[in-house]
């Protein structure tokens, strides 16, 4: 199976086109940096396997 690398810059460019958002050049680097942080956090969260017995709570109660 081929492993793909997530290119955040390409993702940001494609999503801005898809959503019809004008992303000015002076903001693009900041947006890409934030999505890189989001990707790092999501990768960490998704790396934890949950047992099959775990069920999603219908209501979040802190």
C-alpha atoms as a PDB file:
ATOM      1  CA  UNK A   1       0.000   0.000   0.000  1.00  0.00           C
ATOM      2  CA  UNK A   2       1.327   3.417  -0.952  1.00  0.00           C
ATOM      3  CA  UNK A   3       1.776   5.887   1.893  1.00  0.00           C
ATOM      4  CA  UNK A   4       0.768   9.453   1.086  1.00  0.00           C
ATOM      5  CA  UNK A   5       2.197  12.538   2.729  1.00  0.00           C
ATOM      6  CA  UNK A   6      -0.332  15.184   3.688  1.00  0.00           C
ATOM      7  CA  UNK A   7       0.770  18.436   2.017  1.00  0.00           C
ATOM      8  CA  UNK A   8      -0.796  21.159   4.118  1.00  0.00           C
ATOM      9  CA  UNK A   9       0.006  23.930   1.635  1.00  0.00           C
ATOM     10  CA  UNK A  10      -1.774  22.113  -1.185  1.00  0.00           C
ATOM     11  CA  UNK A  11      -4.718  21.388   1.126  1.00  0.00           C
ATOM     12  CA  UNK A  12      -5.074  25.051   2.106  1.00  0.00           C
ATOM     13  CA  UNK A  13      -4.883  26.170  -1.525  1.00  0.00           C
ATOM     14  CA  UNK A  14      -7.462  23.627  -2.680  1.00  0.00           C
ATOM     15  CA  UNK A  15      -9.877  24.299   0.177  1.00  0.00           C
ATOM     16  CA  UNK A  16      -9.723  28.056  -0.359  1.00  0.00           C
ATOM     17  CA  UNK A  17     -10.626  27.487  -4.016  1.00  0.00           C
ATOM     18  CA  UNK A  18     -13.363  25.001  -3.157  1.00  0.00           C
ATOM     19  CA  UNK A  19     -14.927  27.325  -0.589  1.00  0.00           C
ATOM     20  CA  UNK A  20     -14.504  30.405  -2.748  1.00  0.00           C
ATOM     21  CA  UNK A  21     -12.351  32.153  -0.135  1.00  0.00           C
ATOM     22  CA  UNK A  22      -9.789  34.694  -1.213  1.00  0.00           C
ATOM     23  CA  UNK A  23      -6.690  33.865   0.822  1.00  0.00           C
ATOM     24  CA  UNK A  24      -4.333  36.792   0.517  1.00  0.00           C
ATOM     25  CA  UNK A  25      -0.623  36.030   0.270  1.00  0.00           C
ATOM     26  CA  UNK A  26       0.236  37.770   3.554  1.00  0.00           C
ATOM     27  CA  UNK A  27      -2.095  35.388   5.458  1.00  0.00           C
ATOM     28  CA  UNK A  28      -1.367  32.117   3.669  1.00  0.00           C
ATOM     29  CA  UNK A  29       1.765  31.204   5.655  1.00  0.00           C
ATOM     30  CA  UNK A  30      -0.080  31.704   8.944  1.00  0.00           C
ATOM     31  CA  UNK A  31      -3.028  29.599   7.791  1.00  0.00           C
ATOM     32  CA  UNK A  32      -0.686  26.819   6.643  1.00  0.00           C
ATOM     33  CA  UNK A  33       1.185  26.945   9.984  1.00  0.00           C
ATOM     34  CA  UNK A  34      -2.079  26.622  11.918  1.00  0.00           C
ATOM     35  CA  UNK A  35      -3.214  23.673   9.804  1.00  0.00           C
ATOM     36  CA  UNK A  36       0.163  22.006  10.398  1.00  0.00           C
ATOM     37  CA  UNK A  37      -0.472  22.334  14.151  1.00  0.00           C
ATOM     38  CA  UNK A  38      -4.002  20.972  13.739  1.00  0.00           C
ATOM     39  CA  UNK A  39      -2.635  18.032  11.737  1.00  0.00           C
ATOM     40  CA  UNK A  40      -0.034  17.263  14.416  1.00  0.00           C
ATOM     41  CA  UNK A  41      -2.666  17.286  17.171  1.00  0.00           C
ATOM     42  CA  UNK A  42      -5.114  15.173  15.144  1.00  0.00           C
ATOM     43  CA  UNK A  43      -2.385  12.642  14.357  1.00  0.00           C
ATOM     44  CA  UNK A  44      -1.598  12.308  18.067  1.00  0.00           C
ATOM     45  CA  UNK A  45      -5.258  11.925  19.045  1.00  0.00           C
ATOM     46  CA  UNK A  46      -5.946   9.384  16.307  1.00  0.00           C
ATOM     47  CA  UNK A  47      -2.920   7.289  17.288  1.00  0.00           C
ATOM     48  CA  UNK A  48      -4.684   6.040  20.442  1.00  0.00           C
ATOM     49  CA  UNK A  49      -6.732   2.907  19.889  1.00  0.00           C
ATOM     50  CA  UNK A  50      -9.970   2.688  21.816  1.00  0.00           C
ATOM     51  CA  UNK A  51     -11.436  -0.582  23.033  1.00  0.00           C
ATOM     52  CA  UNK A  52     -14.603  -1.798  21.319  1.00  0.00           C
ATOM     53  CA  UNK A  53     -16.543  -1.372  24.574  1.00  0.00           C
ATOM     54  CA  UNK A  54     -16.131   2.412  24.512  1.00  0.00           C
ATOM     55  CA  UNK A  55     -19.267   4.231  23.407  1.00  0.00           C
ATOM     56  CA  UNK A  56     -19.656   7.854  22.422  1.00  0.00           C
ATOM     57  CA  UNK A  57     -21.530   9.912  24.972  1.00  0.00           C
ATOM     58  CA  UNK A  58     -24.718  11.433  23.544  1.00  0.00           C
ATOM     59  CA  UNK A  59     -24.196  14.578  25.664  1.00  0.00           C
ATOM     60  CA  UNK A  60     -20.898  16.044  26.819  1.00  0.00           C
ATOM     61  CA  UNK A  61     -20.965  16.728  30.547  1.00  0.00           C
ATOM     62  CA  UNK A  62     -17.714  18.114  31.995  1.00  0.00           C
END
